[in-house]
C-alpha atoms as a PDB file:
ATOM      1  CA  UNK A   1      90.932  57.562 160.623  1.00  0.00           C
ATOM      2  CA  UNK A   2      94.491  56.398 161.437  1.00  0.00           C
ATOM      3  CA  UNK A   3      93.113  53.837 163.882  1.00  0.00           C
ATOM      4  CA  UNK A   4      90.720  52.510 161.249  1.00  0.00           C
ATOM      5  CA  UNK A   5      93.481  52.206 158.651  1.00  0.00           C
ATOM      6  CA  UNK A   6      95.600  50.156 161.099  1.00  0.00           C
ATOM      7  CA  UNK A   7      92.917  47.439 161.419  1.00  0.00           C
ATOM      8  CA  UNK A   8      93.948  43.963 160.379  1.00  0.00           C
ATOM      9  CA  UNK A   9      92.675  42.565 157.048  1.00  0.00           C
ATOM     10  CA  UNK A  10      89.128  41.240 157.383  1.00  0.00           C
ATOM     11  CA  UNK A  11      88.279  43.750 160.092  1.00  0.00           C
ATOM     12  CA  UNK A  12      87.592  46.639 157.689  1.00  0.00           C
ATOM     13  CA  UNK A  13      83.828  46.054 157.514  1.00  0.00           C
ATOM     14  CA  UNK A  14      83.428  45.819 161.270  1.00  0.00           C
ATOM     15  CA  UNK A  15      85.662  48.824 161.817  1.00  0.00           C
ATOM     16  CA  UNK A  16      83.747  50.862 159.240  1.00  0.00           C
ATOM     17  CA  UNK A  17      80.444  49.953 160.866  1.00  0.00           C
ATOM     18  CA  UNK A  18      81.853  50.859 164.274  1.00  0.00           C
ATOM     19  CA  UNK A  19      83.082  54.176 162.888  1.00  0.00           C
ATOM     20  CA  UNK A  20      79.542  55.172 161.852  1.00  0.00           C
ATOM     21  CA  UNK A  21      78.048  57.550 164.451  1.00  0.00           C
ATOM     22  CA  UNK A  22      75.361  55.956 166.596  1.00  0.00           C
ATOM     23  CA  UNK A  23      72.788  58.482 165.382  1.00  0.00           C
ATOM     24  CA  UNK A  24      73.281  57.357 161.771  1.00  0.00           C
ATOM     25  CA  UNK A  25      73.373  53.606 162.350  1.00  0.00           C
ATOM     26  CA  UNK A  26      69.588  53.250 162.399  1.00  0.00           C
ATOM     27  CA  UNK A  27      69.278  55.230 159.161  1.00  0.00           C
ATOM     28  CA  UNK A  28      71.972  53.078 157.566  1.00  0.00           C
ATOM     29  CA  UNK A  29      70.159  49.914 158.701  1.00  0.00           C
ATOM     30  CA  UNK A  30      66.837  51.139 157.284  1.00  0.00           C
ATOM     31  CA  UNK A  31      68.461  51.976 153.972  1.00  0.00           C
ATOM     32  CA  UNK A  32      70.068  48.537 153.786  1.00  0.00           C
ATOM     33  CA  UNK A  33      66.765  46.861 154.642  1.00  0.00           C
ATOM     34  CA  UNK A  34      64.958  48.815 151.919  1.00  0.00           C
ATOM     35  CA  UNK A  35      67.596  47.856 149.369  1.00  0.00           C
ATOM     36  CA  UNK A  36      67.114  44.202 150.253  1.00  0.00           C
ATOM     37  CA  UNK A  37      63.323  44.598 150.066  1.00  0.00           C
ATOM     38  CA  UNK A  38      63.511  46.211 146.630  1.00  0.00           C
ATOM     39  CA  UNK A  39      65.865  43.497 145.389  1.00  0.00           C
ATOM     40  CA  UNK A  40      63.551  40.743 146.651  1.00  0.00           C
ATOM     41  CA  UNK A  41      60.519  42.402 145.025  1.00  0.00           C
ATOM     42  CA  UNK A  42      62.358  42.694 141.697  1.00  0.00           C
ATOM     43  CA  UNK A  43      63.476  39.065 141.910  1.00  0.00           C
ATOM     44  CA  UNK A  44      59.904  37.888 142.598  1.00  0.00           C
ATOM     45  CA  UNK A  45      58.631  39.914 139.646  1.00  0.00           C
ATOM     46  CA  UNK A  46      61.240  38.458 137.289  1.00  0.00           C
ATOM     47  CA  UNK A  47      60.536  34.960 138.580  1.00  0.00           C
ATOM     48  CA  UNK A  48      56.785  35.320 137.993  1.00  0.00           C
ATOM     49  CA  UNK A  49      57.320  36.522 134.418  1.00  0.00           C
ATOM     50  CA  UNK A  50      59.740  33.688 133.693  1.00  0.00           C
ATOM     51  CA  UNK A  51      57.384  31.061 135.144  1.00  0.00           C
ATOM     52  CA  UNK A  52      54.508  32.334 132.996  1.00  0.00           C
ATOM     53  CA  UNK A  53      56.659  32.410 129.856  1.00  0.00           C
ATOM     54  CA  UNK A  54      58.107  28.943 130.482  1.00  0.00           C
ATOM     55  CA  UNK A  55      54.681  27.447 131.185  1.00  0.00           C
ATOM     56  CA  UNK A  56      53.123  28.951 128.056  1.00  0.00           C
ATOM     57  CA  UNK A  57      55.992  27.963 125.786  1.00  0.00           C
ATOM     58  CA  UNK A  58      56.340  24.466 127.278  1.00  0.00           C
ATOM     59  CA  UNK A  59      52.653  23.854 126.565  1.00  0.00           C
ATOM     60  CA  UNK A  60      52.351  25.643 123.235  1.00  0.00           C
ATOM     61  CA  UNK A  61      55.438  24.402 121.381  1.00  0.00           C
ATOM     62  CA  UNK A  62      54.527  20.667 121.513  1.00  0.00           C
ATOM     63  CA  UNK A  63      50.899  21.533 120.682  1.00  0.00           C
ATOM     64  CA  UNK A  64      51.841  23.602 117.642  1.00  0.00           C
ATOM     65  CA  UNK A  65      54.226  20.852 116.557  1.00  0.00           C
ATOM     66  CA  UNK A  66      51.431  18.279 116.831  1.00  0.00           C
ATOM     67  CA  UNK A  67      48.924  20.379 114.907  1.00  0.00           C
ATOM     68  CA  UNK A  68      51.489  21.671 112.428  1.00  0.00           C
ATOM     69  CA  UNK A  69      52.976  25.151 112.394  1.00  0.00           C
ATOM     70  CA  UNK A  70      51.464  26.110 109.037  1.00  0.00           C
ATOM     71  CA  UNK A  71      48.088  24.502 109.789  1.00  0.00           C
ATOM     72  CA  UNK A  72      47.913  26.241 113.160  1.00  0.00           C
ATOM     73  CA  UNK A  73      48.936  29.784 112.193  1.00  0.00           C
ATOM     74  CA  UNK A  74      47.535  29.926 108.678  1.00  0.00           C
ATOM     75  CA  UNK A  75      44.625  27.505 108.850  1.00  0.00           C
ATOM     76  CA  UNK A  76      41.226  29.103 108.268  1.00  0.00           C
ATOM     77  CA  UNK A  77      39.104  26.558 110.112  1.00  0.00           C
ATOM     78  CA  UNK A  78      38.641  26.481 113.869  1.00  0.00           C
ATOM     79  CA  UNK A  79      36.411  23.495 114.671  1.00  0.00           C
ATOM     80  CA  UNK A  80      37.902  21.665 117.690  1.00  0.00           C
ATOM     81  CA  UNK A  81      35.222  18.979 117.631  1.00  0.00           C
ATOM     82  CA  UNK A  82      36.399  17.964 114.149  1.00  0.00           C
ATOM     83  CA  UNK A  83      40.093  18.334 114.935  1.00  0.00           C
ATOM     84  CA  UNK A  84      40.673  21.627 113.083  1.00  0.00           C
ATOM     85  CA  UNK A  85      42.725  24.199 114.972  1.00  0.00           C
ATOM     86  CA  UNK A  86      43.563  26.920 112.473  1.00  0.00           C
ATOM     87  CA  UNK A  87      43.854  30.374 114.043  1.00  0.00           C
ATOM     88  CA  UNK A  88      44.354  32.301 110.795  1.00  0.00           C
ATOM     89  CA  UNK A  89      40.799  33.630 110.875  1.00  0.00           C
ATOM     90  CA  UNK A  90      41.208  34.607 114.532  1.00  0.00           C
ATOM     91  CA  UNK A  91      44.398  36.518 113.756  1.00  0.00           C
ATOM     92  CA  UNK A  92      42.674  38.299 110.867  1.00  0.00           C
ATOM     93  CA  UNK A  93      39.693  39.152 113.075  1.00  0.00           C
ATOM     94  CA  UNK A  94      41.990  40.513 115.784  1.00  0.00           C
ATOM     95  CA  UNK A  95      43.957  42.554 113.247  1.00  0.00           C
ATOM     96  CA  UNK A  96      40.807  43.980 111.638  1.00  0.00           C
ATOM     97  CA  UNK A  97      39.306  44.986 114.988  1.00  0.00           C
ATOM     98  CA  UNK A  98      42.574  46.593 116.080  1.00  0.00           C
ATOM     99  CA  UNK A  99      43.007  48.444 112.792  1.00  0.00           C
ATOM    100  CA  UNK A 100      39.441  49.735 112.984  1.00  0.00           C
ATOM    101  CA  UNK A 101      40.028  50.916 116.552  1.00  0.00           C
ATOM    102  CA  UNK A 102      43.125  52.835 115.464  1.00  0.00           C
ATOM    103  CA  UNK A 103      41.299  54.431 112.530  1.00  0.00           C
ATOM    104  CA  UNK A 104      38.598  55.674 114.901  1.00  0.00           C
ATOM    105  CA  UNK A 105      40.594  56.366 118.058  1.00  0.00           C
ATOM    106  CA  UNK A 106      43.867  57.858 116.801  1.00  0.00           C
ATOM    107  CA  UNK A 107      42.533  60.965 114.957  1.00  0.00           C
ATOM    108  CA  UNK A 108      40.066  61.762 117.729  1.00  0.00           C
ATOM    109  CA  UNK A 109      42.657  61.182 120.460  1.00  0.00           C
ATOM    110  CA  UNK A 110      45.314  63.341 118.806  1.00  0.00           C
ATOM    111  CA  UNK A 111      42.901  66.204 118.142  1.00  0.00           C
ATOM    112  CA  UNK A 112      41.564  66.108 121.701  1.00  0.00           C
ATOM    113  CA  UNK A 113      45.144  66.135 123.015  1.00  0.00           C
ATOM    114  CA  UNK A 114      45.911  69.227 120.905  1.00  0.00           C
ATOM    115  CA  UNK A 115      42.784  70.926 122.194  1.00  0.00           C
ATOM    116  CA  UNK A 116      43.632  70.179 125.806  1.00  0.00           C
ATOM    117  CA  UNK A 117      47.251  71.272 125.423  1.00  0.00           C
ATOM    118  CA  UNK A 118      46.785  74.501 123.434  1.00  0.00           C
ATOM    119  CA  UNK A 119      43.170  75.592 123.108  1.00  0.00           C
ATOM    120  CA  UNK A 120      41.274  74.407 126.158  1.00  0.00           C
ATOM    121  CA  UNK A 121      40.212  77.166 128.622  1.00  0.00           C
ATOM    122  CA  UNK A 122      41.319  76.465 132.153  1.00  0.00           C
ATOM    123  CA  UNK A 123      37.783  75.912 133.571  1.00  0.00           C
ATOM    124  CA  UNK A 124      37.013  73.448 130.785  1.00  0.00           C
ATOM    125  CA  UNK A 125      40.376  71.718 131.271  1.00  0.00           C
ATOM    126  CA  UNK A 126      39.595  71.151 134.936  1.00  0.00           C
ATOM    127  CA  UNK A 127      36.570  69.169 133.799  1.00  0.00           C
ATOM    128  CA  UNK A 128      38.069  67.355 130.791  1.00  0.00           C
ATOM    129  CA  UNK A 129      41.183  66.067 132.542  1.00  0.00           C
ATOM    130  CA  UNK A 130      39.298  64.177 135.285  1.00  0.00           C
ATOM    131  CA  UNK A 131      36.840  62.879 132.677  1.00  0.00           C
ATOM    132  CA  UNK A 132      39.747  61.460 130.691  1.00  0.00           C
ATOM    133  CA  UNK A 133      41.041  59.713 133.803  1.00  0.00           C
ATOM    134  CA  UNK A 134      37.554  58.374 134.568  1.00  0.00           C
ATOM    135  CA  UNK A 135      37.273  57.040 131.009  1.00  0.00           C
ATOM    136  CA  UNK A 136      40.543  55.163 131.531  1.00  0.00           C
ATOM    137  CA  UNK A 137      39.257  53.622 134.763  1.00  0.00           C
ATOM    138  CA  UNK A 138      35.948  52.262 133.453  1.00  0.00           C
ATOM    139  CA  UNK A 139      36.015  48.432 133.496  1.00  0.00           C
ATOM    140  CA  UNK A 140      36.166  46.727 130.126  1.00  0.00           C
ATOM    141  CA  UNK A 141      32.961  44.805 130.731  1.00  0.00           C
ATOM    142  CA  UNK A 142      31.092  48.104 131.111  1.00  0.00           C
ATOM    143  CA  UNK A 143      32.262  49.146 127.646  1.00  0.00           C
ATOM    144  CA  UNK A 144      31.061  45.806 126.321  1.00  0.00           C
ATOM    145  CA  UNK A 145      27.660  46.204 127.970  1.00  0.00           C
ATOM    146  CA  UNK A 146      27.364  49.731 126.554  1.00  0.00           C
ATOM    147  CA  UNK A 147      28.183  48.426 123.082  1.00  0.00           C
ATOM    148  CA  UNK A 148      25.710  45.572 123.405  1.00  0.00           C
ATOM    149  CA  UNK A 149      22.807  47.697 124.624  1.00  0.00           C
ATOM    150  CA  UNK A 150      23.408  50.930 122.691  1.00  0.00           C
ATOM    151  CA  UNK A 151      25.622  50.437 119.643  1.00  0.00           C
ATOM    152  CA  UNK A 152      24.445  46.984 118.542  1.00  0.00           C
ATOM    153  CA  UNK A 153      20.766  47.985 118.085  1.00  0.00           C
ATOM    154  CA  UNK A 154      21.816  51.348 116.622  1.00  0.00           C
ATOM    155  CA  UNK A 155      24.060  49.836 113.949  1.00  0.00           C
ATOM    156  CA  UNK A 156      21.555  47.093 113.183  1.00  0.00           C
ATOM    157  CA  UNK A 157      18.802  49.648 112.531  1.00  0.00           C
ATOM    158  CA  UNK A 158      21.045  52.140 110.756  1.00  0.00           C
ATOM    159  CA  UNK A 159      22.522  49.686 108.239  1.00  0.00           C
ATOM    160  CA  UNK A 160      19.607  47.189 108.200  1.00  0.00           C
ATOM    161  CA  UNK A 161      22.043  44.435 109.128  1.00  0.00           C
ATOM    162  CA  UNK A 162      21.144  40.960 110.305  1.00  0.00           C
ATOM    163  CA  UNK A 163      22.936  41.640 113.581  1.00  0.00           C
ATOM    164  CA  UNK A 164      24.716  44.565 115.149  1.00  0.00           C
ATOM    165  CA  UNK A 165      27.357  42.326 116.711  1.00  0.00           C
ATOM    166  CA  UNK A 166      29.960  42.828 114.030  1.00  0.00           C
ATOM    167  CA  UNK A 167      33.374  44.219 113.149  1.00  0.00           C
ATOM    168  CA  UNK A 168      32.128  47.823 113.016  1.00  0.00           C
ATOM    169  CA  UNK A 169      30.705  47.725 116.537  1.00  0.00           C
ATOM    170  CA  UNK A 170      33.885  46.129 117.839  1.00  0.00           C
ATOM    171  CA  UNK A 171      36.050  48.789 116.182  1.00  0.00           C
ATOM    172  CA  UNK A 172      33.955  51.626 117.618  1.00  0.00           C
ATOM    173  CA  UNK A 173      34.043  50.293 121.176  1.00  0.00           C
ATOM    174  CA  UNK A 174      37.783  49.568 121.023  1.00  0.00           C
ATOM    175  CA  UNK A 175      38.354  53.014 119.515  1.00  0.00           C
ATOM    176  CA  UNK A 176      36.612  54.573 122.524  1.00  0.00           C
ATOM    177  CA  UNK A 177      38.600  52.395 124.925  1.00  0.00           C
ATOM    178  CA  UNK A 178      42.009  53.498 123.585  1.00  0.00           C
ATOM    179  CA  UNK A 179      41.164  57.216 123.711  1.00  0.00           C
ATOM    180  CA  UNK A 180      42.396  57.845 127.298  1.00  0.00           C
ATOM    181  CA  UNK A 181      45.792  56.297 126.542  1.00  0.00           C
ATOM    182  CA  UNK A 182      46.315  58.313 123.367  1.00  0.00           C
ATOM    183  CA  UNK A 183      45.016  61.563 124.834  1.00  0.00           C
ATOM    184  CA  UNK A 184      47.033  61.459 128.069  1.00  0.00           C
ATOM    185  CA  UNK A 185      50.383  60.417 126.594  1.00  0.00           C
ATOM    186  CA  UNK A 186      50.108  62.726 123.568  1.00  0.00           C
ATOM    187  CA  UNK A 187      49.137  65.703 125.709  1.00  0.00           C
ATOM    188  CA  UNK A 188      52.132  65.127 127.998  1.00  0.00           C
ATOM    189  CA  UNK A 189      54.428  64.794 124.971  1.00  0.00           C
ATOM    190  CA  UNK A 190      53.133  68.050 123.472  1.00  0.00           C
ATOM    191  CA  UNK A 191      53.527  69.929 126.745  1.00  0.00           C
ATOM    192  CA  UNK A 192      57.087  68.589 127.119  1.00  0.00           C
ATOM    193  CA  UNK A 193      58.228  70.368 123.936  1.00  0.00           C
ATOM    194  CA  UNK A 194      60.113  73.573 124.866  1.00  0.00           C
ATOM    195  CA  UNK A 195      58.021  76.705 124.419  1.00  0.00           C
ATOM    196  CA  UNK A 196      60.823  78.278 122.414  1.00  0.00           C
ATOM    197  CA  UNK A 197      59.917  75.974 119.503  1.00  0.00           C
ATOM    198  CA  UNK A 198      56.413  77.392 119.364  1.00  0.00           C
ATOM    199  CA  UNK A 199      57.471  80.977 119.994  1.00  0.00           C
ATOM    200  CA  UNK A 200      60.172  80.824 117.332  1.00  0.00           C
ATOM    201  CA  UNK A 201      57.744  79.470 114.748  1.00  0.00           C
ATOM    202  CA  UNK A 202      55.198  82.187 115.564  1.00  0.00           C
ATOM    203  CA  UNK A 203      57.932  84.821 115.347  1.00  0.00           C
ATOM    204  CA  UNK A 204      58.711  83.648 111.812  1.00  0.00           C
ATOM    205  CA  UNK A 205      55.123  84.392 110.794  1.00  0.00           C
ATOM    206  CA  UNK A 206      53.433  81.000 111.100  1.00  0.00           C
ATOM    207  CA  UNK A 207      49.866  80.680 112.338  1.00  0.00           C
ATOM    208  CA  UNK A 208      49.119  78.920 115.594  1.00  0.00           C
ATOM    209  CA  UNK A 209      47.779  75.846 113.825  1.00  0.00           C
ATOM    210  CA  UNK A 210      50.798  75.667 111.537  1.00  0.00           C
ATOM    211  CA  UNK A 211      53.173  76.029 114.490  1.00  0.00           C
ATOM    212  CA  UNK A 212      51.443  73.186 116.319  1.00  0.00           C
ATOM    213  CA  UNK A 213      51.232  70.707 113.453  1.00  0.00           C
ATOM    214  CA  UNK A 214      54.486  71.581 111.661  1.00  0.00           C
ATOM    215  CA  UNK A 215      56.761  72.208 114.648  1.00  0.00           C
ATOM    216  CA  UNK A 216      55.348  70.909 117.937  1.00  0.00           C
ATOM    217  CA  UNK A 217      54.032  67.610 116.607  1.00  0.00           C
ATOM    218  CA  UNK A 218      57.314  66.600 114.893  1.00  0.00           C
ATOM    219  CA  UNK A 219      59.187  67.486 118.081  1.00  0.00           C
ATOM    220  CA  UNK A 220      56.789  65.300 120.104  1.00  0.00           C
ATOM    221  CA  UNK A 221      56.833  62.492 117.542  1.00  0.00           C
ATOM    222  CA  UNK A 222      58.293  59.877 119.867  1.00  0.00           C
ATOM    223  CA  UNK A 223      55.671  60.392 122.571  1.00  0.00           C
ATOM    224  CA  UNK A 224      52.861  60.502 120.032  1.00  0.00           C
ATOM    225  CA  UNK A 225      53.915  57.263 118.371  1.00  0.00           C
ATOM    226  CA  UNK A 226      54.316  55.660 121.800  1.00  0.00           C
ATOM    227  CA  UNK A 227      50.735  56.577 122.673  1.00  0.00           C
ATOM    228  CA  UNK A 228      49.479  55.008 119.449  1.00  0.00           C
ATOM    229  CA  UNK A 229      51.453  51.802 120.009  1.00  0.00           C
ATOM    230  CA  UNK A 230      50.205  51.498 123.590  1.00  0.00           C
ATOM    231  CA  UNK A 231      46.657  52.059 122.365  1.00  0.00           C
ATOM    232  CA  UNK A 232      47.235  49.353 119.780  1.00  0.00           C
ATOM    233  CA  UNK A 233      48.327  46.991 122.534  1.00  0.00           C
ATOM    234  CA  UNK A 234      45.217  47.785 124.571  1.00  0.00           C
ATOM    235  CA  UNK A 235      42.937  47.089 121.609  1.00  0.00           C
ATOM    236  CA  UNK A 236      44.818  43.976 120.524  1.00  0.00           C
ATOM    237  CA  UNK A 237      44.537  42.216 123.854  1.00  0.00           C
ATOM    238  CA  UNK A 238      41.044  43.325 124.889  1.00  0.00           C
ATOM    239  CA  UNK A 239      38.752  40.455 125.867  1.00  0.00           C
ATOM    240  CA  UNK A 240      35.788  41.267 128.108  1.00  0.00           C
ATOM    241  CA  UNK A 241      34.267  43.983 125.935  1.00  0.00           C
ATOM    242  CA  UNK A 242      34.906  42.175 122.651  1.00  0.00           C
ATOM    243  CA  UNK A 243      33.116  38.993 123.708  1.00  0.00           C
ATOM    244  CA  UNK A 244      29.825  40.908 123.956  1.00  0.00           C
ATOM    245  CA  UNK A 245      29.907  42.661 120.594  1.00  0.00           C
ATOM    246  CA  UNK A 246      32.109  40.887 118.032  1.00  0.00           C
ATOM    247  CA  UNK A 247      29.604  38.189 117.031  1.00  0.00           C
ATOM    248  CA  UNK A 248      32.063  35.385 117.858  1.00  0.00           C
ATOM    249  CA  UNK A 249      32.100  33.836 114.403  1.00  0.00           C
ATOM    250  CA  UNK A 250      35.520  32.350 113.465  1.00  0.00           C
ATOM    251  CA  UNK A 251      35.444  33.507 109.854  1.00  0.00           C
ATOM    252  CA  UNK A 252      37.266  36.130 107.806  1.00  0.00           C
ATOM    253  CA  UNK A 253      34.960  39.182 107.506  1.00  0.00           C
ATOM    254  CA  UNK A 254      33.972  40.410 104.043  1.00  0.00           C
ATOM    255  CA  UNK A 255      32.576  43.719 105.305  1.00  0.00           C
ATOM    256  CA  UNK A 256      32.354  45.875 108.392  1.00  0.00           C
ATOM    257  CA  UNK A 257      28.959  44.357 109.213  1.00  0.00           C
ATOM    258  CA  UNK A 258      30.229  40.762 109.381  1.00  0.00           C
ATOM    259  CA  UNK A 259      30.822  39.078 112.762  1.00  0.00           C
ATOM    260  CA  UNK A 260      34.348  38.208 113.807  1.00  0.00           C
ATOM    261  CA  UNK A 261      36.176  36.371 116.559  1.00  0.00           C
ATOM    262  CA  UNK A 262      39.445  37.517 118.093  1.00  0.00           C
ATOM    263  CA  UNK A 263      42.173  35.479 119.729  1.00  0.00           C
ATOM    264  CA  UNK A 264      41.339  36.754 123.206  1.00  0.00           C
ATOM    265  CA  UNK A 265      37.584  36.232 122.869  1.00  0.00           C
ATOM    266  CA  UNK A 266      38.182  32.727 121.518  1.00  0.00           C
ATOM    267  CA  UNK A 267      40.168  31.826 124.638  1.00  0.00           C
ATOM    268  CA  UNK A 268      37.561  33.337 126.960  1.00  0.00           C
ATOM    269  CA  UNK A 269      34.664  31.546 125.258  1.00  0.00           C
ATOM    270  CA  UNK A 270      36.112  28.039 125.088  1.00  0.00           C
ATOM    271  CA  UNK A 271      38.570  27.658 127.944  1.00  0.00           C
ATOM    272  CA  UNK A 272      35.823  26.806 130.426  1.00  0.00           C
ATOM    273  CA  UNK A 273      34.940  23.498 128.786  1.00  0.00           C
ATOM    274  CA  UNK A 274      38.030  22.667 126.701  1.00  0.00           C
ATOM    275  CA  UNK A 275      40.040  19.518 127.442  1.00  0.00           C
ATOM    276  CA  UNK A 276      42.996  17.701 125.969  1.00  0.00           C
ATOM    277  CA  UNK A 277      44.370  19.051 122.697  1.00  0.00           C
ATOM    278  CA  UNK A 278      41.598  21.620 122.539  1.00  0.00           C
ATOM    279  CA  UNK A 279      42.726  23.194 125.805  1.00  0.00           C
ATOM    280  CA  UNK A 280      46.373  23.107 124.760  1.00  0.00           C
ATOM    281  CA  UNK A 281      45.471  24.764 121.452  1.00  0.00           C
ATOM    282  CA  UNK A 282      43.807  27.582 123.376  1.00  0.00           C
ATOM    283  CA  UNK A 283      46.998  28.043 125.379  1.00  0.00           C
ATOM    284  CA  UNK A 284      48.851  28.181 122.058  1.00  0.00           C
ATOM    285  CA  UNK A 285      46.435  30.961 121.039  1.00  0.00           C
ATOM    286  CA  UNK A 286      47.472  32.784 124.192  1.00  0.00           C
ATOM    287  CA  UNK A 287      51.119  32.408 123.173  1.00  0.00           C
ATOM    288  CA  UNK A 288      50.375  33.934 119.754  1.00  0.00           C
ATOM    289  CA  UNK A 289      48.670  36.836 121.490  1.00  0.00           C
ATOM    290  CA  UNK A 290      51.567  37.088 123.944  1.00  0.00           C
ATOM    291  CA  UNK A 291      54.107  37.273 121.111  1.00  0.00           C
ATOM    292  CA  UNK A 292      52.214  40.121 119.433  1.00  0.00           C
ATOM    293  CA  UNK A 293      51.987  42.044 122.708  1.00  0.00           C
ATOM    294  CA  UNK A 294      55.701  41.410 123.293  1.00  0.00           C
ATOM    295  CA  UNK A 295      56.510  42.873 119.887  1.00  0.00           C
ATOM    296  CA  UNK A 296      54.424  45.953 120.693  1.00  0.00           C
ATOM    297  CA  UNK A 297      56.212  46.355 124.037  1.00  0.00           C
ATOM    298  CA  UNK A 298      59.616  46.076 122.374  1.00  0.00           C
ATOM    299  CA  UNK A 299      58.618  48.777 119.883  1.00  0.00           C
ATOM    300  CA  UNK A 300      57.728  51.100 122.767  1.00  0.00           C
ATOM    301  CA  UNK A 301      61.075  50.390 124.443  1.00  0.00           C
ATOM    302  CA  UNK A 302      62.960  51.112 121.227  1.00  0.00           C
ATOM    303  CA  UNK A 303      61.112  54.389 120.755  1.00  0.00           C
ATOM    304  CA  UNK A 304      61.851  55.517 124.301  1.00  0.00           C
ATOM    305  CA  UNK A 305      65.503  54.570 123.941  1.00  0.00           C
ATOM    306  CA  UNK A 306      65.673  56.527 120.712  1.00  0.00           C
ATOM    307  CA  UNK A 307      64.072  59.517 122.430  1.00  0.00           C
ATOM    308  CA  UNK A 308      66.673  59.423 125.215  1.00  0.00           C
END
């Protein structure tokens, strides 16, 4: 150590490296290489996100300015061939489909999570847990095909509607699609609550159901709300399944049996042949969708920060 301290200025790094035992030099080199690799990967990721954001905004801002901010966001007519680019009806359709998915998926998801966390026998749990993971891994287009072949004829016959491709069908399919997210995250949040909460509530004379819904659920509130917000994000941005079953009519629905068109399905349907201002307007639709998803992501981050 005395010899190392006597090194001239500028020789400290070399002396320190020389002082490292030969057996540890290779480990030190591997650690340094992994740090550099991780830093490069993070830089590439940040660069990709920035490039996407800059491209979308650079295209969308002039387009929205040309169309008119109010006419674009609040216009109720989307007819590109006539020069009308109002996405108000698309936003309403997206919001209605997402709200319907939450109404269907959230109660079922929360109740299934409670069952799996507190009531499910171990043999049944060993079956339900993999099934939940399988449900999360099914491609979106398969959900859309299922809705088209099973739910569309069923709803059409049940309600004597002109067509089964409507808001109700879209809400049901999206509600099924968000179930794995809500179930998995809520179950983990419920299991993370200390057992002393439950045991203390039972010791005070509460029933099992009362202990779960009055004590465990409030304690797991952050995780539960996070699961709902993530499910909302999944439903809001879904494209492949919605194209099959929503009816693709850019109009504000008057009932659950009316067809709708969402922002994502509008982009998927028209991007293949759009040119000029029409194509740029579709990119502006993507920016609107991106902003909503960004808001949802920020809400999740705020909830997690609050939990910590």
